[in-house]
Amino acid sequence: MQVSVTFRHLDPSDSLKEFAREKVARVQMFLDQASEAQVILSVEKHVHHAEVLVHSGPFFLRGKDK
C-alpha cells in the first residue's frame, strides 16, 4: 500500500511518518485491494488533528480524530 503523510502547521519528523505508516498498514489486512492511503497531521490552537483517507477499489474510507 502506498502511504503519503502530510504535515500542516507541524514540523515533519521521520518518527511520526513511520508511526502513521505502521498504523495505516494494519488496515490493509481488512481490505482486499488497498492501493493508496493519505494521512494528514495538523495542529490548530494547540489541538492536534489526524485524518486518514484510504482508497481501496470501489471503497473510500475516512477517519478523523483530535
PDB file of N, CA and C in Angstrom:
ATOM      1  N   MET A   1       0.842  -1.166   0.000  1.00  0.00           N
ATOM      2  CA  MET A   1       0.000   0.000   0.000  1.00  0.00           C
ATOM      3  C   MET A   1       0.891   1.233   0.000  1.00  0.00           C
ATOM      4  N   GLN A   2       0.528   2.198  -0.792  1.00  0.00           N
ATOM      5  CA  GLN A   2       1.268   3.447  -0.877  1.00  0.00           C
ATOM      6  C   GLN A   2       0.669   4.436   0.122  1.00  0.00           C
ATOM      7  N   VAL A   3       1.477   4.935   1.043  1.00  0.00           N
ATOM      8  CA  VAL A   3       1.026   5.840   2.100  1.00  0.00           C
ATOM      9  C   VAL A   3       1.769   7.166   1.970  1.00  0.00           C
ATOM     10  N   SER A   4       1.010   8.258   1.935  1.00  0.00           N
ATOM     11  CA  SER A   4       1.634   9.583   1.940  1.00  0.00           C
ATOM     12  C   SER A   4       1.209  10.302   3.218  1.00  0.00           C
ATOM     13  N   VAL A   5       2.161  10.979   3.832  1.00  0.00           N
ATOM     14  CA  VAL A   5       1.922  11.686   5.090  1.00  0.00           C
ATOM     15  C   VAL A   5       2.141  13.170   4.850  1.00  0.00           C
ATOM     16  N   THR A   6       1.147  13.986   5.245  1.00  0.00           N
ATOM     17  CA  THR A   6       1.205  15.430   5.072  1.00  0.00           C
ATOM     18  C   THR A   6       1.167  16.096   6.442  1.00  0.00           C
ATOM     19  N   PHE A   7       2.019  17.091   6.647  1.00  0.00           N
ATOM     20  CA  PHE A   7       2.060  17.838   7.898  1.00  0.00           C
ATOM     21  C   PHE A   7       1.579  19.258   7.628  1.00  0.00           C
ATOM     22  N   ARG A   8       0.647  19.742   8.451  1.00  0.00           N
ATOM     23  CA  ARG A   8       0.167  21.122   8.343  1.00  0.00           C
ATOM     24  C   ARG A   8       0.404  21.821   9.676  1.00  0.00           C
ATOM     25  N   HIS A   9       1.128  22.920   9.646  1.00  0.00           N
ATOM     26  CA  HIS A   9       1.445  23.709  10.838  1.00  0.00           C
ATOM     27  C   HIS A   9       2.138  22.854  11.900  1.00  0.00           C
ATOM     28  N   LEU A  10       2.978  21.945  11.447  1.00  0.00           N
ATOM     29  CA  LEU A  10       3.653  20.997  12.323  1.00  0.00           C
ATOM     30  C   LEU A  10       4.996  20.658  11.694  1.00  0.00           C
ATOM     31  N   ASP A  11       6.026  20.524  12.505  1.00  0.00           N
ATOM     32  CA  ASP A  11       7.337  20.158  11.991  1.00  0.00           C
ATOM     33  C   ASP A  11       7.349  18.684  11.605  1.00  0.00           C
ATOM     34  N   PRO A  12       7.724  18.360  10.367  1.00  0.00           N
ATOM     35  CA  PRO A  12       7.753  16.953   9.950  1.00  0.00           C
ATOM     36  C   PRO A  12       8.890  16.199  10.636  1.00  0.00           C
ATOM     37  N   SER A  13       8.599  14.975  11.036  1.00  0.00           N
ATOM     38  CA  SER A  13       9.637  14.129  11.628  1.00  0.00           C
ATOM     39  C   SER A  13       9.489  12.714  11.086  1.00  0.00           C
ATOM     40  N   ASP A  14      10.602  12.041  10.973  1.00  0.00           N
ATOM     41  CA  ASP A  14      10.593  10.677  10.448  1.00  0.00           C
ATOM     42  C   ASP A  14       9.874   9.715  11.378  1.00  0.00           C
ATOM     43  N   SER A  15       9.963   9.947  12.688  1.00  0.00           N
ATOM     44  CA  SER A  15       9.306   9.043  13.633  1.00  0.00           C
ATOM     45  C   SER A  15       7.789   9.132  13.516  1.00  0.00           C
ATOM     46  N   LEU A  16       7.240  10.336  13.304  1.00  0.00           N
ATOM     47  CA  LEU A  16       5.794  10.473  13.109  1.00  0.00           C
ATOM     48  C   LEU A  16       5.354   9.827  11.801  1.00  0.00           C
ATOM     49  N   LYS A  17       6.152   9.997  10.746  1.00  0.00           N
ATOM     50  CA  LYS A  17       5.824   9.360   9.470  1.00  0.00           C
ATOM     51  C   LYS A  17       5.785   7.845   9.602  1.00  0.00           C
ATOM     52  N   GLU A  18       6.784   7.278  10.260  1.00  0.00           N
ATOM     53  CA  GLU A  18       6.848   5.824  10.420  1.00  0.00           C
ATOM     54  C   GLU A  18       5.694   5.316  11.283  1.00  0.00           C
ATOM     55  N   PHE A  19       5.351   6.046  12.333  1.00  0.00           N
ATOM     56  CA  PHE A  19       4.239   5.659  13.203  1.00  0.00           C
ATOM     57  C   PHE A  19       2.928   5.649  12.417  1.00  0.00           C
ATOM     58  N   ALA A  20       2.691   6.672  11.601  1.00  0.00           N
ATOM     59  CA  ALA A  20       1.474   6.743  10.793  1.00  0.00           C
ATOM     60  C   ALA A  20       1.434   5.603   9.777  1.00  0.00           C
ATOM     61  N   ARG A  21       2.558   5.287   9.155  1.00  0.00           N
ATOM     62  CA  ARG A  21       2.601   4.189   8.177  1.00  0.00           C
ATOM     63  C   ARG A  21       2.313   2.844   8.833  1.00  0.00           C
ATOM     64  N   GLU A  22       2.835   2.623  10.032  1.00  0.00           N
ATOM     65  CA  GLU A  22       2.572   1.363  10.744  1.00  0.00           C
ATOM     66  C   GLU A  22       1.095   1.214  11.086  1.00  0.00           C
ATOM     67  N   LYS A  23       0.462   2.285  11.544  1.00  0.00           N
ATOM     68  CA  LYS A  23      -0.945   2.226  11.921  1.00  0.00           C
ATOM     69  C   LYS A  23      -1.843   2.022  10.706  1.00  0.00           C
ATOM     70  N   VAL A  24      -1.524   2.662   9.592  1.00  0.00           N
ATOM     71  CA  VAL A  24      -2.338   2.511   8.381  1.00  0.00           C
ATOM     72  C   VAL A  24      -2.139   1.115   7.784  1.00  0.00           C
ATOM     73  N   ALA A  25      -0.970   0.543   7.936  1.00  0.00           N
ATOM     74  CA  ALA A  25      -0.710  -0.800   7.401  1.00  0.00           C
ATOM     75  C   ALA A  25      -1.590  -1.853   8.078  1.00  0.00           C
ATOM     76  N   ARG A  26      -2.018  -1.591   9.302  1.00  0.00           N
ATOM     77  CA  ARG A  26      -2.894  -2.531   9.999  1.00  0.00           C
ATOM     78  C   ARG A  26      -4.266  -2.626   9.334  1.00  0.00           C
ATOM     79  N   VAL A  27      -4.690  -1.571   8.639  1.00  0.00           N
ATOM     80  CA  VAL A  27      -5.978  -1.564   7.954  1.00  0.00           C
ATOM     81  C   VAL A  27      -5.939  -2.473   6.729  1.00  0.00           C
ATOM     82  N   GLN A  28      -4.768  -2.654   6.166  1.00  0.00           N
ATOM     83  CA  GLN A  28      -4.622  -3.408   4.927  1.00  0.00           C
ATOM     84  C   GLN A  28      -5.097  -4.854   5.074  1.00  0.00           C
ATOM     85  N   MET A  29      -4.989  -5.451   6.248  1.00  0.00           N
ATOM     86  CA  MET A  29      -5.396  -6.840   6.408  1.00  0.00           C
ATOM     87  C   MET A  29      -6.912  -7.006   6.315  1.00  0.00           C
ATOM     88  N   PHE A  30      -7.679  -5.915   6.445  1.00  0.00           N
ATOM     89  CA  PHE A  30      -9.127  -5.990   6.339  1.00  0.00           C
ATOM     90  C   PHE A  30      -9.628  -5.709   4.924  1.00  0.00           C
ATOM     91  N   LEU A  31      -8.757  -5.201   4.058  1.00  0.00           N
ATOM     92  CA  LEU A  31      -9.139  -4.836   2.701  1.00  0.00           C
ATOM     93  C   LEU A  31      -8.460  -5.737   1.688  1.00  0.00           C
ATOM     94  N   ASP A  32      -9.162  -6.005   0.582  1.00  0.00           N
ATOM     95  CA  ASP A  32      -8.596  -6.845  -0.468  1.00  0.00           C
ATOM     96  C   ASP A  32      -7.620  -6.076  -1.351  1.00  0.00           C
ATOM     97  N   GLN A  33      -7.997  -4.860  -1.736  1.00  0.00           N
ATOM     98  CA  GLN A  33      -7.208  -4.111  -2.710  1.00  0.00           C
ATOM     99  C   GLN A  33      -6.803  -2.741  -2.190  1.00  0.00           C
ATOM    100  N   ALA A  34      -6.175  -2.661  -1.063  1.00  0.00           N
ATOM    101  CA  ALA A  34      -5.740  -1.357  -0.558  1.00  0.00           C
ATOM    102  C   ALA A  34      -4.626  -0.826  -1.453  1.00  0.00           C
ATOM    103  N   SER A  35      -4.882   0.282  -2.128  1.00  0.00           N
ATOM    104  CA  SER A  35      -3.907   0.773  -3.081  1.00  0.00           C
ATOM    105  C   SER A  35      -3.261   2.090  -2.661  1.00  0.00           C
ATOM    106  N   GLU A  36      -4.000   2.936  -1.953  1.00  0.00           N
ATOM    107  CA  GLU A  36      -3.468   4.253  -1.652  1.00  0.00           C
ATOM    108  C   GLU A  36      -4.050   4.761  -0.336  1.00  0.00           C
ATOM    109  N   ALA A  37      -3.218   5.387   0.485  1.00  0.00           N
ATOM    110  CA  ALA A  37      -3.673   5.983   1.742  1.00  0.00           C
ATOM    111  C   ALA A  37      -2.992   7.328   1.922  1.00  0.00           C
ATOM    112  N   GLN A  38      -3.732   8.254   2.511  1.00  0.00           N
ATOM    113  CA  GLN A  38      -3.191   9.573   2.777  1.00  0.00           C
ATOM    114  C   GLN A  38      -3.461   9.919   4.238  1.00  0.00           C
ATOM    115  N   VAL A  39      -2.429  10.353   4.937  1.00  0.00           N
ATOM    116  CA  VAL A  39      -2.525  10.745   6.341  1.00  0.00           C
ATOM    117  C   VAL A  39      -2.211  12.228   6.435  1.00  0.00           C
ATOM    118  N   ILE A  40      -3.098  12.986   7.080  1.00  0.00           N
ATOM    119  CA  ILE A  40      -2.896  14.422   7.248  1.00  0.00           C
ATOM    120  C   ILE A  40      -2.831  14.705   8.749  1.00  0.00           C
ATOM    121  N   LEU A  41      -1.704  15.219   9.198  1.00  0.00           N
ATOM    122  CA  LEU A  41      -1.498  15.578  10.596  1.00  0.00           C
ATOM    123  C   LEU A  41      -1.392  17.095  10.691  1.00  0.00           C
ATOM    124  N   SER A  42      -2.186  17.704  11.586  1.00  0.00           N
ATOM    125  CA  SER A  42      -2.180  19.155  11.692  1.00  0.00           C
ATOM    126  C   SER A  42      -2.367  19.592  13.140  1.00  0.00           C
ATOM    127  N   VAL A  43      -2.078  20.876  13.373  1.00  0.00           N
ATOM    128  CA  VAL A  43      -2.247  21.490  14.687  1.00  0.00           C
ATOM    129  C   VAL A  43      -2.999  22.805  14.505  1.00  0.00           C
ATOM    130  N   GLU A  44      -4.070  22.988  15.304  1.00  0.00           N
ATOM    131  CA  GLU A  44      -4.809  24.248  15.322  1.00  0.00           C
ATOM    132  C   GLU A  44      -5.018  24.649  16.771  1.00  0.00           C
ATOM    133  N   LYS A  45      -4.490  25.771  17.165  1.00  0.00           N
ATOM    134  CA  LYS A  45      -4.645  26.293  18.525  1.00  0.00           C
ATOM    135  C   LYS A  45      -4.315  25.242  19.580  1.00  0.00           C
ATOM    136  N   HIS A  46      -3.188  24.597  19.453  1.00  0.00           N
ATOM    137  CA  HIS A  46      -2.684  23.583  20.390  1.00  0.00           C
ATOM    138  C   HIS A  46      -3.513  22.306  20.423  1.00  0.00           C
ATOM    139  N   VAL A  47      -4.388  22.083  19.428  1.00  0.00           N
ATOM    140  CA  VAL A  47      -5.159  20.849  19.314  1.00  0.00           C
ATOM    141  C   VAL A  47      -4.633  20.085  18.105  1.00  0.00           C
ATOM    142  N   HIS A  48      -4.211  18.852  18.312  1.00  0.00           N
ATOM    143  CA  HIS A  48      -3.663  18.022  17.244  1.00  0.00           C
ATOM    144  C   HIS A  48      -4.798  17.278  16.539  1.00  0.00           C
ATOM    145  N   HIS A  49      -4.778  17.305  15.214  1.00  0.00           N
ATOM    146  CA  HIS A  49      -5.778  16.625  14.394  1.00  0.00           C
ATOM    147  C   HIS A  49      -5.087  15.582  13.518  1.00  0.00           C
ATOM    148  N   ALA A  50      -5.772  14.461  13.328  1.00  0.00           N
ATOM    149  CA  ALA A  50      -5.285  13.428  12.406  1.00  0.00           C
ATOM    150  C   ALA A  50      -6.448  13.007  11.516  1.00  0.00           C
ATOM    151  N   GLU A  51      -6.183  12.921  10.221  1.00  0.00           N
ATOM    152  CA  GLU A  51      -7.190  12.488   9.261  1.00  0.00           C
ATOM    153  C   GLU A  51      -6.552  11.444   8.352  1.00  0.00           C
ATOM    154  N   VAL A  52      -7.262  10.331   8.145  1.00  0.00           N
ATOM    155  CA  VAL A  52      -6.757   9.239   7.322  1.00  0.00           C
ATOM    156  C   VAL A  52      -7.757   8.974   6.209  1.00  0.00           C
ATOM    157  N   LEU A  53      -7.281   8.941   4.971  1.00  0.00           N
ATOM    158  CA  LEU A  53      -8.105   8.645   3.798  1.00  0.00           C
ATOM    159  C   LEU A  53      -7.518   7.423   3.104  1.00  0.00           C
ATOM    160  N   VAL A  54      -8.335   6.389   2.904  1.00  0.00           N
ATOM    161  CA  VAL A  54      -7.872   5.159   2.265  1.00  0.00           C
ATOM    162  C   VAL A  54      -8.753   4.882   1.053  1.00  0.00           C
ATOM    163  N   HIS A  55      -8.129   4.697  -0.109  1.00  0.00           N
ATOM    164  CA  HIS A  55      -8.826   4.319  -1.337  1.00  0.00           C
ATOM    165  C   HIS A  55      -8.541   2.844  -1.598  1.00  0.00           C
ATOM    166  N   SER A  56      -9.597   2.056  -1.713  1.00  0.00           N
ATOM    167  CA  SER A  56      -9.441   0.623  -1.951  1.00  0.00           C
ATOM    168  C   SER A  56     -10.502   0.162  -2.935  1.00  0.00           C
ATOM    169  N   GLY A  57     -10.130   0.062  -4.194  1.00  0.00           N
ATOM    170  CA  GLY A  57     -11.086  -0.369  -5.209  1.00  0.00           C
ATOM    171  C   GLY A  57     -12.300   0.555  -5.213  1.00  0.00           C
ATOM    172  N   PRO A  58     -13.510   0.003  -5.001  1.00  0.00           N
ATOM    173  CA  PRO A  58     -14.708   0.853  -5.000  1.00  0.00           C
ATOM    174  C   PRO A  58     -14.955   1.544  -3.658  1.00  0.00           C
ATOM    175  N   PHE A  59     -14.147   1.242  -2.654  1.00  0.00           N
ATOM    176  CA  PHE A  59     -14.360   1.792  -1.316  1.00  0.00           C
ATOM    177  C   PHE A  59     -13.483   3.006  -1.044  1.00  0.00           C
ATOM    178  N   PHE A  60     -14.010   3.907  -0.229  1.00  0.00           N
ATOM    179  CA  PHE A  60     -13.288   5.092   0.213  1.00  0.00           C
ATOM    180  C   PHE A  60     -13.527   5.213   1.712  1.00  0.00           C
ATOM    181  N   LEU A  61     -12.476   5.027   2.516  1.00  0.00           N
ATOM    182  CA  LEU A  61     -12.582   5.084   3.964  1.00  0.00           C
ATOM    183  C   LEU A  61     -11.969   6.383   4.467  1.00  0.00           C
ATOM    184  N   ARG A  62     -12.633   6.985   5.454  1.00  0.00           N
ATOM    185  CA  ARG A  62     -12.156   8.242   6.009  1.00  0.00           C
ATOM    186  C   ARG A  62     -12.301   8.214   7.519  1.00  0.00           C
ATOM    187  N   GLY A  63     -11.248   8.619   8.217  1.00  0.00           N
ATOM    188  CA  GLY A  63     -11.285   8.667   9.677  1.00  0.00           C
ATOM    189  C   GLY A  63     -10.654   9.941  10.173  1.00  0.00           C
ATOM    190  N   LYS A  64     -11.240  10.525  11.232  1.00  0.00           N
ATOM    191  CA  LYS A  64     -10.733  11.764  11.809  1.00  0.00           C
ATOM    192  C   LYS A  64     -10.676  11.602  13.325  1.00  0.00           C
ATOM    193  N   ASP A  65      -9.716  12.300  13.935  1.00  0.00           N
ATOM    194  CA  ASP A  65      -9.623  12.311  15.389  1.00  0.00           C
ATOM    195  C   ASP A  65      -8.862  13.555  15.822  1.00  0.00           C
ATOM    196  N   LYS A  66      -9.111  13.975  17.073  1.00  0.00           N
ATOM    197  CA  LYS A  66      -8.390  15.111  17.644  1.00  0.00           C
ATOM    198  C   LYS A  66      -7.665  14.645  18.876  1.00  0.00           C
TER     199      LYS A  66
END
